Amino acid sequence: MVSENTPPALQDPPGKDESSCDPVSPRSREVGIGLNEAEQEEAKALIQRGLNEDVPAGDVTSEYLIPQDITIRANFIPRSDGILCGLPVAAQLFREIEPAILMRPLKSEGDRIKAGQSFLEIEGPVQAILKGERLALNFLQLLSGIASLTRIYVEAIEKTDCKLYDTRKTTPGWRFLQKYAVRVGGGQNHRRSLSEFALIKDNHRQVLRSLGETEISSWIKKIREKQNQVLVELEVDQLDELEEALKSELDIVLLDNFSIEGLKKAVELVREFKGHKPLLEASGGIDLTNIQEVAETGVDRIAVGAITHSAKALDIGLDLFEIVDG
């Protein structure tokens, strides 16, 4: 049974306006949870690719064994605790397979879910549901895994003013959705692509210096001449580089693999600087064993690649509840 407090159905019964189907709660929207246009397009492409891969010529098991007119009700149930992510993608998938499928979320995107407690009820033709079962679980497990790990990192630094950011260390073809999962978990998105803003890293610096261009200020000037409004970030690995960088009116300085003492000195250096103060971002060698200590140094941001490239999928299953009709 669905309680009176159950969020609106992801897909309304025939005759209702499909635009009213909303897997994201008002609270979630307030904190930036919800697929943007690029994420919706990526989900659409991944769904189509997944269906072509998993059901290229029908589901021979279900179609050969189970009558087409059987309707079932089933529940998505986590086997372990975590943060729910992927409801809008699951809704999009089942709409693509069979518009008659009805989904009733018992939890909202970004909610904490408990092992053994259903977060989504689904009802519709059994063949259609079984056709999308594995693909829906893949999306929900992968995205919920990222959101869950992100939430753990975020909670580790929640008593500081520091923010957790992701990186471009994502699975090819999945970047937008994986970054969406980071937001659902409470993290922030770093740049989505090389086109978004300038980040001068160690390899850029090595090439420039080999060409005789050794001044940080000249690198920044060259970028600003091309695009005055573009955000510019510079990676440094020594304090003397930071001192030089402060004279260049950078937006962000990435402190790569700094020690805790080095980070504290960098923060103090920026605080004492009389001119434009860039944000300080720490990265490199940061995990759950030291992230709180890093955040307490006073840096503004911490970038962690592990929240996307090393997140463990959350174990979720689809359990048959009952045959409704047939």
C-alpha atoms as a PDB file:
ATOM      1  CA  MET A   1       0.000   0.000   0.000  1.00  0.00           C
ATOM      2  CA  VAL A   2       1.104   3.559  -0.693  1.00  0.00           C
ATOM      3  CA  SER A   3       0.664   5.924   2.248  1.00  0.00           C
ATOM      4  CA  GLU A   4      -0.973   9.324   1.996  1.00  0.00           C
ATOM      5  CA  ASN A   5       2.489  10.871   2.461  1.00  0.00           C
ATOM      6  CA  THR A   6       3.893   9.202  -0.639  1.00  0.00           C
ATOM      7  CA  PRO A   7       5.436  11.676  -3.127  1.00  0.00           C
ATOM      8  CA  PRO A   8       3.597  12.144  -6.458  1.00  0.00           C
ATOM      9  CA  ALA A   9       3.862   9.299  -8.968  1.00  0.00           C
ATOM     10  CA  LEU A  10       6.726   9.468 -11.417  1.00  0.00           C
ATOM     11  CA  GLN A  11       4.283   8.656 -14.148  1.00  0.00           C
ATOM     12  CA  ASP A  12       0.618   9.474 -13.783  1.00  0.00           C
ATOM     13  CA  PRO A  13      -2.196   7.227 -14.998  1.00  0.00           C
ATOM     14  CA  PRO A  14      -3.452   7.778 -18.581  1.00  0.00           C
ATOM     15  CA  GLY A  15      -5.316  11.042 -19.001  1.00  0.00           C
ATOM     16  CA  LYS A  16      -3.154  13.069 -16.641  1.00  0.00           C
ATOM     17  CA  ASP A  17      -0.594  15.664 -17.683  1.00  0.00           C
ATOM     18  CA  GLU A  18       2.749  13.877 -17.919  1.00  0.00           C
ATOM     19  CA  SER A  19       4.549  17.083 -16.984  1.00  0.00           C
ATOM     20  CA  SER A  20       3.163  16.714 -13.458  1.00  0.00           C
ATOM     21  CA  CYS A  21       5.280  13.580 -12.904  1.00  0.00           C
ATOM     22  CA  ASP A  22       8.103  14.730 -10.611  1.00  0.00           C
ATOM     23  CA  PRO A  23      10.598  12.364  -8.963  1.00  0.00           C
ATOM     24  CA  VAL A  24      12.340  15.293  -7.285  1.00  0.00           C
ATOM     25  CA  SER A  25      10.895  16.766  -4.104  1.00  0.00           C
ATOM     26  CA  PRO A  26      10.581  20.558  -3.603  1.00  0.00           C
ATOM     27  CA  ARG A  27      13.282  20.303  -0.919  1.00  0.00           C
ATOM     28  CA  SER A  28      15.634  18.631  -3.373  1.00  0.00           C
ATOM     29  CA  ARG A  29      15.043  21.317  -5.999  1.00  0.00           C
ATOM     30  CA  GLU A  30      15.963  23.989  -3.455  1.00  0.00           C
ATOM     31  CA  VAL A  31      19.456  22.503  -3.120  1.00  0.00           C
ATOM     32  CA  GLY A  32      19.989  22.095  -6.855  1.00  0.00           C
ATOM     33  CA  ILE A  33      18.906  18.478  -7.315  1.00  0.00           C
ATOM     34  CA  GLY A  34      17.262  17.711 -10.644  1.00  0.00           C
ATOM     35  CA  LEU A  35      18.474  16.810 -14.111  1.00  0.00           C
ATOM     36  CA  ASN A  36      19.446  19.801 -16.212  1.00  0.00           C
ATOM     37  CA  GLU A  37      19.110  19.740 -19.991  1.00  0.00           C
ATOM     38  CA  ALA A  38      22.571  18.277 -20.645  1.00  0.00           C
ATOM     39  CA  GLU A  39      21.992  15.564 -18.036  1.00  0.00           C
ATOM     40  CA  GLN A  40      18.604  14.701 -19.528  1.00  0.00           C
ATOM     41  CA  GLU A  41      20.165  14.335 -22.966  1.00  0.00           C
ATOM     42  CA  GLU A  42      22.942  12.140 -21.599  1.00  0.00           C
ATOM     43  CA  ALA A  43      20.385   9.977 -19.782  1.00  0.00           C
ATOM     44  CA  LYS A  44      18.378   9.625 -22.988  1.00  0.00           C
ATOM     45  CA  ALA A  45      21.463   8.533 -24.935  1.00  0.00           C
ATOM     46  CA  LEU A  46      22.555   6.062 -22.245  1.00  0.00           C
ATOM     47  CA  ILE A  47      19.060   4.602 -21.994  1.00  0.00           C
ATOM     48  CA  GLN A  48      18.894   4.046 -25.744  1.00  0.00           C
ATOM     49  CA  ARG A  49      22.382   2.551 -25.791  1.00  0.00           C
ATOM     50  CA  GLY A  50      21.524   0.326 -22.841  1.00  0.00           C
ATOM     51  CA  LEU A  51      18.312  -0.957 -24.423  1.00  0.00           C
ATOM     52  CA  ASN A  52      20.104  -1.656 -27.712  1.00  0.00           C
ATOM     53  CA  GLU A  53      22.716  -3.584 -25.768  1.00  0.00           C
ATOM     54  CA  ASP A  54      20.423  -5.497 -23.398  1.00  0.00           C
ATOM     55  CA  VAL A  55      17.299  -6.028 -25.521  1.00  0.00           C
ATOM     56  CA  PRO A  56      18.476  -5.966 -29.152  1.00  0.00           C
ATOM     57  CA  ALA A  57      15.781  -8.423 -30.298  1.00  0.00           C
ATOM     58  CA  GLY A  58      13.357  -8.779 -27.391  1.00  0.00           C
ATOM     59  CA  ASP A  59      13.478 -10.660 -24.081  1.00  0.00           C
ATOM     60  CA  VAL A  60      13.175 -14.299 -25.121  1.00  0.00           C
ATOM     61  CA  THR A  61      12.769 -15.613 -21.557  1.00  0.00           C
ATOM     62  CA  SER A  62       9.876 -13.356 -20.515  1.00  0.00           C
ATOM     63  CA  GLU A  63       8.199 -13.300 -23.926  1.00  0.00           C
ATOM     64  CA  TYR A  64       8.297 -17.075 -24.323  1.00  0.00           C
ATOM     65  CA  LEU A  65       7.212 -17.949 -20.765  1.00  0.00           C
ATOM     66  CA  ILE A  66       4.901 -15.204 -19.444  1.00  0.00           C
ATOM     67  CA  PRO A  67       1.599 -14.074 -21.007  1.00  0.00           C
ATOM     68  CA  GLN A  68       1.647 -10.524 -22.333  1.00  0.00           C
ATOM     69  CA  ASP A  69      -1.459  -9.424 -20.387  1.00  0.00           C
ATOM     70  CA  ILE A  70      -0.022 -10.083 -16.904  1.00  0.00           C
ATOM     71  CA  THR A  71       0.313  -6.967 -14.718  1.00  0.00           C
ATOM     72  CA  ILE A  72       2.514  -6.976 -11.634  1.00  0.00           C
ATOM     73  CA  ARG A  73       3.429  -4.692  -8.763  1.00  0.00           C
ATOM     74  CA  ALA A  74       7.023  -4.753  -7.556  1.00  0.00           C
ATOM     75  CA  ASN A  75       9.344  -2.824  -5.259  1.00  0.00           C
ATOM     76  CA  PHE A  76      12.870  -1.489  -5.577  1.00  0.00           C
ATOM     77  CA  ILE A  77      14.570  -2.340  -2.288  1.00  0.00           C
ATOM     78  CA  PRO A  78      18.131  -1.488  -1.188  1.00  0.00           C
ATOM     79  CA  ARG A  79      20.196  -4.244   0.399  1.00  0.00           C
ATOM     80  CA  SER A  80      22.297  -1.675   2.252  1.00  0.00           C
ATOM     81  CA  ASP A  81      21.857   1.881   3.532  1.00  0.00           C
ATOM     82  CA  GLY A  82      22.683   4.804   1.275  1.00  0.00           C
ATOM     83  CA  ILE A  83      21.587   7.946  -0.529  1.00  0.00           C
ATOM     84  CA  LEU A  84      18.977   7.562  -3.261  1.00  0.00           C
ATOM     85  CA  CYS A  85      19.901   8.837  -6.709  1.00  0.00           C
ATOM     86  CA  GLY A  86      18.629   8.057 -10.192  1.00  0.00           C
ATOM     87  CA  LEU A  87      14.841   8.260  -9.915  1.00  0.00           C
ATOM     88  CA  PRO A  88      14.484  10.676 -12.868  1.00  0.00           C
ATOM     89  CA  VAL A  89      16.593   8.350 -15.026  1.00  0.00           C
ATOM     90  CA  ALA A  90      14.572   5.274 -14.019  1.00  0.00           C
ATOM     91  CA  ALA A  91      11.376   7.172 -14.816  1.00  0.00           C
ATOM     92  CA  GLN A  92      12.724   8.155 -18.234  1.00  0.00           C
ATOM     93  CA  LEU A  93      13.750   4.556 -18.926  1.00  0.00           C
ATOM     94  CA  PHE A  94      10.372   3.013 -18.102  1.00  0.00           C
ATOM     95  CA  ARG A  95       8.523   5.712 -20.074  1.00  0.00           C
ATOM     96  CA  GLU A  96      10.650   4.725 -23.061  1.00  0.00           C
ATOM     97  CA  ILE A  97       9.828   1.019 -22.615  1.00  0.00           C
ATOM     98  CA  GLU A  98       6.124   1.233 -21.782  1.00  0.00           C
ATOM     99  CA  PRO A  99       4.144   4.440 -21.111  1.00  0.00           C
ATOM    100  CA  ALA A 100       1.522   2.469 -19.151  1.00  0.00           C
ATOM    101  CA  ILE A 101       3.985   1.646 -16.369  1.00  0.00           C
ATOM    102  CA  LEU A 102       3.115   3.463 -13.141  1.00  0.00           C
ATOM    103  CA  MET A 103       5.856   4.401 -10.673  1.00  0.00           C
ATOM    104  CA  ARG A 104       5.157   5.512  -7.102  1.00  0.00           C
ATOM    105  CA  PRO A 105       8.228   6.809  -5.238  1.00  0.00           C
ATOM    106  CA  LEU A 106       8.226   6.217  -1.497  1.00  0.00           C
ATOM    107  CA  LYS A 107      11.363   8.349  -1.103  1.00  0.00           C
ATOM    108  CA  SER A 108      12.640  11.420  -2.934  1.00  0.00           C
ATOM    109  CA  GLU A 109      15.898  11.970  -4.777  1.00  0.00           C
ATOM    110  CA  GLY A 110      18.672  12.631  -2.274  1.00  0.00           C
ATOM    111  CA  ASP A 111      16.890  10.956   0.644  1.00  0.00           C
ATOM    112  CA  ARG A 112      18.637   8.485   2.890  1.00  0.00           C
ATOM    113  CA  ILE A 113      17.337   4.958   2.242  1.00  0.00           C
ATOM    114  CA  LYS A 114      17.506   1.971   4.581  1.00  0.00           C
ATOM    115  CA  ALA A 115      18.313  -1.642   3.782  1.00  0.00           C
ATOM    116  CA  GLY A 116      15.162  -3.688   3.333  1.00  0.00           C
ATOM    117  CA  GLN A 117      12.833  -0.684   3.006  1.00  0.00           C
ATOM    118  CA  SER A 118      11.272  -0.052  -0.409  1.00  0.00           C
ATOM    119  CA  PHE A 119      11.890   3.364  -1.933  1.00  0.00           C
ATOM    120  CA  LEU A 120       9.961   2.851  -5.181  1.00  0.00           C
ATOM    121  CA  GLU A 121       6.872   0.870  -6.162  1.00  0.00           C
ATOM    122  CA  ILE A 122       6.305   0.033  -9.815  1.00  0.00           C
ATOM    123  CA  GLU A 123       3.211  -1.389 -11.505  1.00  0.00           C
ATOM    124  CA  GLY A 124       2.623  -2.416 -15.090  1.00  0.00           C
ATOM    125  CA  PRO A 125       2.948  -5.164 -17.724  1.00  0.00           C
ATOM    126  CA  VAL A 126       5.329  -7.779 -16.420  1.00  0.00           C
ATOM    127  CA  GLN A 127       7.186  -8.174 -19.731  1.00  0.00           C
ATOM    128  CA  ALA A 128       7.894  -4.450 -19.889  1.00  0.00           C
ATOM    129  CA  ILE A 129       9.044  -4.248 -16.270  1.00  0.00           C
ATOM    130  CA  LEU A 130      11.369  -7.231 -16.629  1.00  0.00           C
ATOM    131  CA  LYS A 131      12.732  -5.765 -19.848  1.00  0.00           C
ATOM    132  CA  GLY A 132      13.870  -2.648 -17.969  1.00  0.00           C
ATOM    133  CA  GLU A 133      14.717  -4.216 -14.611  1.00  0.00           C
ATOM    134  CA  ARG A 134      18.451  -4.692 -15.074  1.00  0.00           C
ATOM    135  CA  LEU A 135      19.064  -1.372 -16.801  1.00  0.00           C
ATOM    136  CA  ALA A 136      17.059   0.526 -14.175  1.00  0.00           C
ATOM    137  CA  LEU A 137      18.999  -1.182 -11.401  1.00  0.00           C
ATOM    138  CA  ASN A 138      22.294  -0.362 -13.110  1.00  0.00           C
ATOM    139  CA  PHE A 139      21.425   3.341 -13.194  1.00  0.00           C
ATOM    140  CA  LEU A 140      20.097   3.395  -9.623  1.00  0.00           C
ATOM    141  CA  GLN A 141      22.987   1.391  -8.180  1.00  0.00           C
ATOM    142  CA  LEU A 142      25.756   3.367  -9.861  1.00  0.00           C
ATOM    143  CA  LEU A 143      24.303   6.818  -9.220  1.00  0.00           C
ATOM    144  CA  SER A 144      23.222   6.013  -5.652  1.00  0.00           C
ATOM    145  CA  GLY A 145      26.712   4.674  -4.973  1.00  0.00           C
ATOM    146  CA  ILE A 146      28.285   7.984  -6.008  1.00  0.00           C
ATOM    147  CA  ALA A 147      25.722  10.013  -4.054  1.00  0.00           C
ATOM    148  CA  SER A 148      26.266   7.842  -0.981  1.00  0.00           C
ATOM    149  CA  LEU A 149      30.060   8.157  -1.009  1.00  0.00           C
ATOM    150  CA  THR A 150      29.800  11.887  -1.687  1.00  0.00           C
ATOM    151  CA  ARG A 151      27.502  12.321   1.321  1.00  0.00           C
ATOM    152  CA  ILE A 152      30.060  10.574   3.562  1.00  0.00           C
ATOM    153  CA  TYR A 153      32.774  13.007   2.410  1.00  0.00           C
ATOM    154  CA  VAL A 154      30.474  16.009   2.790  1.00  0.00           C
ATOM    155  CA  GLU A 155      29.500  15.013   6.323  1.00  0.00           C
ATOM    156  CA  ALA A 156      33.174  14.642   7.237  1.00  0.00           C
ATOM    157  CA  ILE A 157      33.745  18.373   6.632  1.00  0.00           C
ATOM    158  CA  GLU A 158      30.300  19.746   7.480  1.00  0.00           C
ATOM    159  CA  LYS A 159      31.559  21.589  10.571  1.00  0.00           C
ATOM    160  CA  THR A 160      33.889  23.701   8.419  1.00  0.00           C
ATOM    161  CA  ASP A 161      33.225  26.278   5.685  1.00  0.00           C
ATOM    162  CA  CYS A 162      35.025  24.131   3.107  1.00  0.00           C
ATOM    163  CA  LYS A 163      33.116  22.701   0.110  1.00  0.00           C
ATOM    164  CA  LEU A 164      33.650  19.326  -1.559  1.00  0.00           C
ATOM    165  CA  TYR A 165      34.126  19.317  -5.344  1.00  0.00           C
ATOM    166  CA  ASP A 166      34.314  16.522  -7.897  1.00  0.00           C
ATOM    167  CA  THR A 167      36.777  16.236 -10.804  1.00  0.00           C
ATOM    168  CA  ARG A 168      36.766  15.126 -14.452  1.00  0.00           C
ATOM    169  CA  LYS A 169      37.729  11.597 -13.365  1.00  0.00           C
ATOM    170  CA  THR A 170      34.478  10.115 -14.600  1.00  0.00           C
ATOM    171  CA  THR A 171      33.416   7.193 -16.789  1.00  0.00           C
ATOM    172  CA  PRO A 172      33.423   8.233 -20.486  1.00  0.00           C
ATOM    173  CA  GLY A 173      29.867   8.954 -21.580  1.00  0.00           C
ATOM    174  CA  TRP A 174      28.611   9.202 -17.987  1.00  0.00           C
ATOM    175  CA  ARG A 175      30.150  12.514 -16.886  1.00  0.00           C
ATOM    176  CA  PHE A 176      26.996  14.597 -16.601  1.00  0.00           C
ATOM    177  CA  LEU A 177      25.050  11.940 -14.702  1.00  0.00           C
ATOM    178  CA  GLN A 178      27.948  11.167 -12.387  1.00  0.00           C
ATOM    179  CA  LYS A 179      28.330  14.854 -11.608  1.00  0.00           C
ATOM    180  CA  TYR A 180      24.570  15.013 -11.041  1.00  0.00           C
ATOM    181  CA  ALA A 181      24.965  12.222  -8.467  1.00  0.00           C
ATOM    182  CA  VAL A 182      27.654  14.274  -6.715  1.00  0.00           C
ATOM    183  CA  ARG A 183      25.178  17.154  -6.350  1.00  0.00           C
ATOM    184  CA  VAL A 184      22.529  14.767  -5.032  1.00  0.00           C
ATOM    185  CA  GLY A 185      25.045  13.635  -2.410  1.00  0.00           C
ATOM    186  CA  GLY A 186      25.665  17.236  -1.345  1.00  0.00           C
ATOM    187  CA  GLY A 187      28.875  17.919  -3.257  1.00  0.00           C
ATOM    188  CA  GLN A 188      29.701  20.620  -5.789  1.00  0.00           C
ATOM    189  CA  ASN A 189      30.570  20.288  -9.471  1.00  0.00           C
ATOM    190  CA  HIS A 190      33.976  21.331 -10.758  1.00  0.00           C
ATOM    191  CA  ARG A 191      34.266  22.061 -14.485  1.00  0.00           C
ATOM    192  CA  ARG A 192      32.424  19.638 -16.751  1.00  0.00           C
ATOM    193  CA  SER A 193      34.855  19.929 -19.649  1.00  0.00           C
ATOM    194  CA  LEU A 194      38.067  21.540 -20.869  1.00  0.00           C
ATOM    195  CA  SER A 195      35.908  24.136 -22.616  1.00  0.00           C
ATOM    196  CA  GLU A 196      34.314  25.472 -19.436  1.00  0.00           C
ATOM    197  CA  PHE A 197      37.220  27.396 -17.910  1.00  0.00           C
ATOM    198  CA  ALA A 198      41.011  27.504 -17.872  1.00  0.00           C
ATOM    199  CA  LEU A 199      42.932  25.289 -15.447  1.00  0.00           C
ATOM    200  CA  ILE A 200      46.699  25.538 -15.873  1.00  0.00           C
ATOM    201  CA  LYS A 201      48.088  22.239 -14.590  1.00  0.00           C
ATOM    202  CA  ASP A 202      51.598  20.811 -14.232  1.00  0.00           C
ATOM    203  CA  ASN A 203      51.844  19.561 -17.821  1.00  0.00           C
ATOM    204  CA  HIS A 204      50.798  22.965 -19.173  1.00  0.00           C
ATOM    205  CA  ARG A 205      53.421  24.608 -16.974  1.00  0.00           C
ATOM    206  CA  GLN A 206      56.131  22.195 -18.120  1.00  0.00           C
ATOM    207  CA  VAL A 207      55.399  22.821 -21.807  1.00  0.00           C
ATOM    208  CA  LEU A 208      55.256  26.601 -21.329  1.00  0.00           C
ATOM    209  CA  ARG A 209      58.550  26.689 -19.436  1.00  0.00           C
ATOM    210  CA  SER A 210      60.222  24.523 -22.054  1.00  0.00           C
ATOM    211  CA  LEU A 211      59.184  27.189 -24.550  1.00  0.00           C
ATOM    212  CA  GLY A 212      60.837  29.863 -22.449  1.00  0.00           C
ATOM    213  CA  GLU A 213      57.625  31.246 -20.961  1.00  0.00           C
ATOM    214  CA  THR A 214      58.376  31.135 -17.262  1.00  0.00           C
ATOM    215  CA  GLU A 215      56.251  33.962 -15.854  1.00  0.00           C
ATOM    216  CA  ILE A 216      52.866  32.985 -14.389  1.00  0.00           C
ATOM    217  CA  SER A 217      51.574  36.492 -15.033  1.00  0.00           C
ATOM    218  CA  SER A 218      52.274  36.122 -18.756  1.00  0.00           C
ATOM    219  CA  TRP A 219      50.225  32.906 -18.900  1.00  0.00           C
ATOM    220  CA  ILE A 220      47.269  34.608 -17.258  1.00  0.00           C
ATOM    221  CA  LYS A 221      47.600  37.664 -19.490  1.00  0.00           C
ATOM    222  CA  LYS A 222      47.569  35.487 -22.612  1.00  0.00           C
ATOM    223  CA  ILE A 223      44.327  33.792 -21.505  1.00  0.00           C
ATOM    224  CA  ARG A 224      42.674  37.063 -20.516  1.00  0.00           C
ATOM    225  CA  GLU A 225      43.516  38.568 -23.904  1.00  0.00           C
ATOM    226  CA  LYS A 226      41.607  35.728 -25.564  1.00  0.00           C
ATOM    227  CA  GLN A 227      38.630  35.798 -23.192  1.00  0.00           C
ATOM    228  CA  ASN A 228      38.552  38.406 -20.462  1.00  0.00           C
ATOM    229  CA  GLN A 229      35.630  36.846 -18.557  1.00  0.00           C
ATOM    230  CA  VAL A 230      36.847  33.249 -18.463  1.00  0.00           C
ATOM    231  CA  LEU A 231      37.544  31.806 -15.015  1.00  0.00           C
ATOM    232  CA  VAL A 232      41.220  30.932 -14.541  1.00  0.00           C
ATOM    233  CA  GLU A 233      42.638  28.407 -12.074  1.00  0.00           C
ATOM    234  CA  LEU A 234      46.316  27.599 -11.581  1.00  0.00           C
ATOM    235  CA  GLU A 235      47.819  24.480 -10.052  1.00  0.00           C
ATOM    236  CA  VAL A 236      50.868  25.049  -7.836  1.00  0.00           C
ATOM    237  CA  ASP A 237      52.920  22.632  -5.763  1.00  0.00           C
ATOM    238  CA  GLN A 238      55.151  25.085  -3.883  1.00  0.00           C
ATOM    239  CA  LEU A 239      54.528  28.149  -1.720  1.00  0.00           C
ATOM    240  CA  ASP A 240      56.830  30.374  -3.796  1.00  0.00           C
ATOM    241  CA  GLU A 241      54.626  29.635  -6.832  1.00  0.00           C
ATOM    242  CA  LEU A 242      51.604  30.725  -4.814  1.00  0.00           C
ATOM    243  CA  GLU A 243      53.348  33.983  -3.919  1.00  0.00           C
ATOM    244  CA  GLU A 244      53.924  34.674  -7.621  1.00  0.00           C
ATOM    245  CA  ALA A 245      50.389  33.581  -8.525  1.00  0.00           C
ATOM    246  CA  LEU A 246      48.824  36.075  -6.100  1.00  0.00           C
ATOM    247  CA  LYS A 247      50.120  38.920  -8.257  1.00  0.00           C
ATOM    248  CA  SER A 248      48.185  37.645 -11.290  1.00  0.00           C
ATOM    249  CA  GLU A 249      44.574  38.073 -10.080  1.00  0.00           C
ATOM    250  CA  LEU A 250      43.673  34.426 -10.481  1.00  0.00           C
ATOM    251  CA  ASP A 251      40.234  33.157  -9.575  1.00  0.00           C
ATOM    252  CA  ILE A 252      41.338  29.890  -7.952  1.00  0.00           C
ATOM    253  CA  VAL A 253      44.683  28.403  -6.935  1.00  0.00           C
ATOM    254  CA  LEU A 254      44.890  24.611  -6.787  1.00  0.00           C
ATOM    255  CA  LEU A 255      47.271  23.474  -4.053  1.00  0.00           C
ATOM    256  CA  ASP A 256      48.447  20.104  -5.309  1.00  0.00           C
ATOM    257  CA  ASN A 257      49.651  17.522  -2.792  1.00  0.00           C
ATOM    258  CA  PHE A 258      50.458  20.102  -0.111  1.00  0.00           C
ATOM    259  CA  SER A 259      51.123  18.906   3.422  1.00  0.00           C
ATOM    260  CA  ILE A 260      48.835  20.066   6.216  1.00  0.00           C
ATOM    261  CA  GLU A 261      51.441  22.593   7.321  1.00  0.00           C
ATOM    262  CA  GLY A 262      51.886  23.728   3.739  1.00  0.00           C
ATOM    263  CA  LEU A 263      48.134  24.273   3.394  1.00  0.00           C
ATOM    264  CA  LYS A 264      48.039  26.304   6.610  1.00  0.00           C
ATOM    265  CA  LYS A 265      50.878  28.508   5.366  1.00  0.00           C
ATOM    266  CA  ALA A 266      49.129  28.968   2.020  1.00  0.00           C
ATOM    267  CA  VAL A 267      45.897  30.033   3.735  1.00  0.00           C
ATOM    268  CA  GLU A 268      47.793  32.505   5.922  1.00  0.00           C
ATOM    269  CA  LEU A 269      49.658  33.873   2.913  1.00  0.00           C
ATOM    270  CA  VAL A 270      46.392  34.614   1.091  1.00  0.00           C
ATOM    271  CA  ARG A 271      44.812  36.142   4.193  1.00  0.00           C
ATOM    272  CA  GLU A 272      47.716  38.549   4.593  1.00  0.00           C
ATOM    273  CA  PHE A 273      47.853  39.468   0.904  1.00  0.00           C
ATOM    274  CA  LYS A 274      46.562  43.005   0.311  1.00  0.00           C
ATOM    275  CA  GLY A 275      45.344  42.536  -3.252  1.00  0.00           C
ATOM    276  CA  HIS A 276      42.856  40.217  -4.979  1.00  0.00           C
ATOM    277  CA  LYS A 277      42.421  37.017  -2.971  1.00  0.00           C
ATOM    278  CA  PRO A 278      41.798  33.848  -5.008  1.00  0.00           C
ATOM    279  CA  LEU A 279      39.938  30.843  -3.660  1.00  0.00           C
ATOM    280  CA  LEU A 280      42.195  28.046  -2.453  1.00  0.00           C
ATOM    281  CA  GLU A 281      41.486  24.497  -3.547  1.00  0.00           C
ATOM    282  CA  ALA A 282      43.281  21.483  -2.075  1.00  0.00           C
ATOM    283  CA  SER A 283      43.712  18.291  -4.080  1.00  0.00           C
ATOM    284  CA  GLY A 284      45.858  15.190  -4.192  1.00  0.00           C
ATOM    285  CA  GLY A 285      46.132  12.406  -1.622  1.00  0.00           C
ATOM    286  CA  ILE A 286      42.937  13.402   0.149  1.00  0.00           C
ATOM    287  CA  ASP A 287      40.582  10.701   1.432  1.00  0.00           C
ATOM    288  CA  LEU A 288      38.310  10.059   4.397  1.00  0.00           C
ATOM    289  CA  THR A 289      41.277   9.600   6.729  1.00  0.00           C
ATOM    290  CA  ASN A 290      42.505  13.171   6.320  1.00  0.00           C
ATOM    291  CA  ILE A 291      39.804  15.282   4.662  1.00  0.00           C
ATOM    292  CA  GLN A 292      38.601  16.851   7.918  1.00  0.00           C
ATOM    293  CA  GLU A 293      42.141  17.906   8.808  1.00  0.00           C
ATOM    294  CA  VAL A 294      42.592  19.370   5.321  1.00  0.00           C
ATOM    295  CA  ALA A 295      39.303  21.292   5.569  1.00  0.00           C
ATOM    296  CA  GLU A 296      40.271  22.676   8.988  1.00  0.00           C
ATOM    297  CA  THR A 297      43.335  24.388   7.482  1.00  0.00           C
ATOM    298  CA  GLY A 298      40.990  27.020   6.065  1.00  0.00           C
ATOM    299  CA  VAL A 299      41.055  26.147   2.359  1.00  0.00           C
ATOM    300  CA  ASP A 300      37.881  27.048   0.498  1.00  0.00           C
ATOM    301  CA  ARG A 301      37.497  23.882  -1.575  1.00  0.00           C
ATOM    302  CA  ILE A 302      38.650  20.287  -1.708  1.00  0.00           C
ATOM    303  CA  ALA A 303      38.594  18.316  -4.970  1.00  0.00           C
ATOM    304  CA  VAL A 304      38.332  14.520  -4.667  1.00  0.00           C
ATOM    305  CA  GLY A 305      38.329  12.259  -7.733  1.00  0.00           C
ATOM    306  CA  ALA A 306      37.457   9.152  -5.723  1.00  0.00           C
ATOM    307  CA  ILE A 307      33.811  10.160  -5.283  1.00  0.00           C
ATOM    308  CA  THR A 308      33.215   9.380  -8.961  1.00  0.00           C
ATOM    309  CA  HIS A 309      35.968   6.983 -10.044  1.00  0.00           C
ATOM    310  CA  SER A 310      36.014   4.771  -6.944  1.00  0.00           C
ATOM    311  CA  ALA A 311      32.458   4.808  -5.612  1.00  0.00           C
ATOM    312  CA  LYS A 312      31.015   1.352  -4.930  1.00  0.00           C
ATOM    313  CA  ALA A 313      27.596   0.701  -6.463  1.00  0.00           C
ATOM    314  CA  LEU A 314      24.807   0.598  -3.883  1.00  0.00           C
ATOM    315  CA  ASP A 315      23.253  -2.873  -3.747  1.00  0.00           C
ATOM    316  CA  ILE A 316      19.601  -2.611  -4.856  1.00  0.00           C
ATOM    317  CA  GLY A 317      17.141  -5.277  -5.999  1.00  0.00           C
ATOM    318  CA  LEU A 318      13.682  -5.459  -7.571  1.00  0.00           C
ATOM    319  CA  ASP A 319      11.334  -7.742  -5.622  1.00  0.00           C
ATOM    320  CA  LEU A 320       7.973  -8.946  -6.912  1.00  0.00           C
ATOM    321  CA  PHE A 321       5.153  -7.789  -4.644  1.00  0.00           C
ATOM    322  CA  GLU A 322       2.069  -9.246  -6.300  1.00  0.00           C
ATOM    323  CA  ILE A 323       0.304 -10.058  -9.553  1.00  0.00           C
ATOM    324  CA  VAL A 324      -2.347  -7.351 -10.025  1.00  0.00           C
ATOM    325  CA  ASP A 325      -4.120  -8.584 -13.145  1.00  0.00           C
ATOM    326  CA  GLY A 326      -3.898 -11.403 -15.613  1.00  0.00           C
END
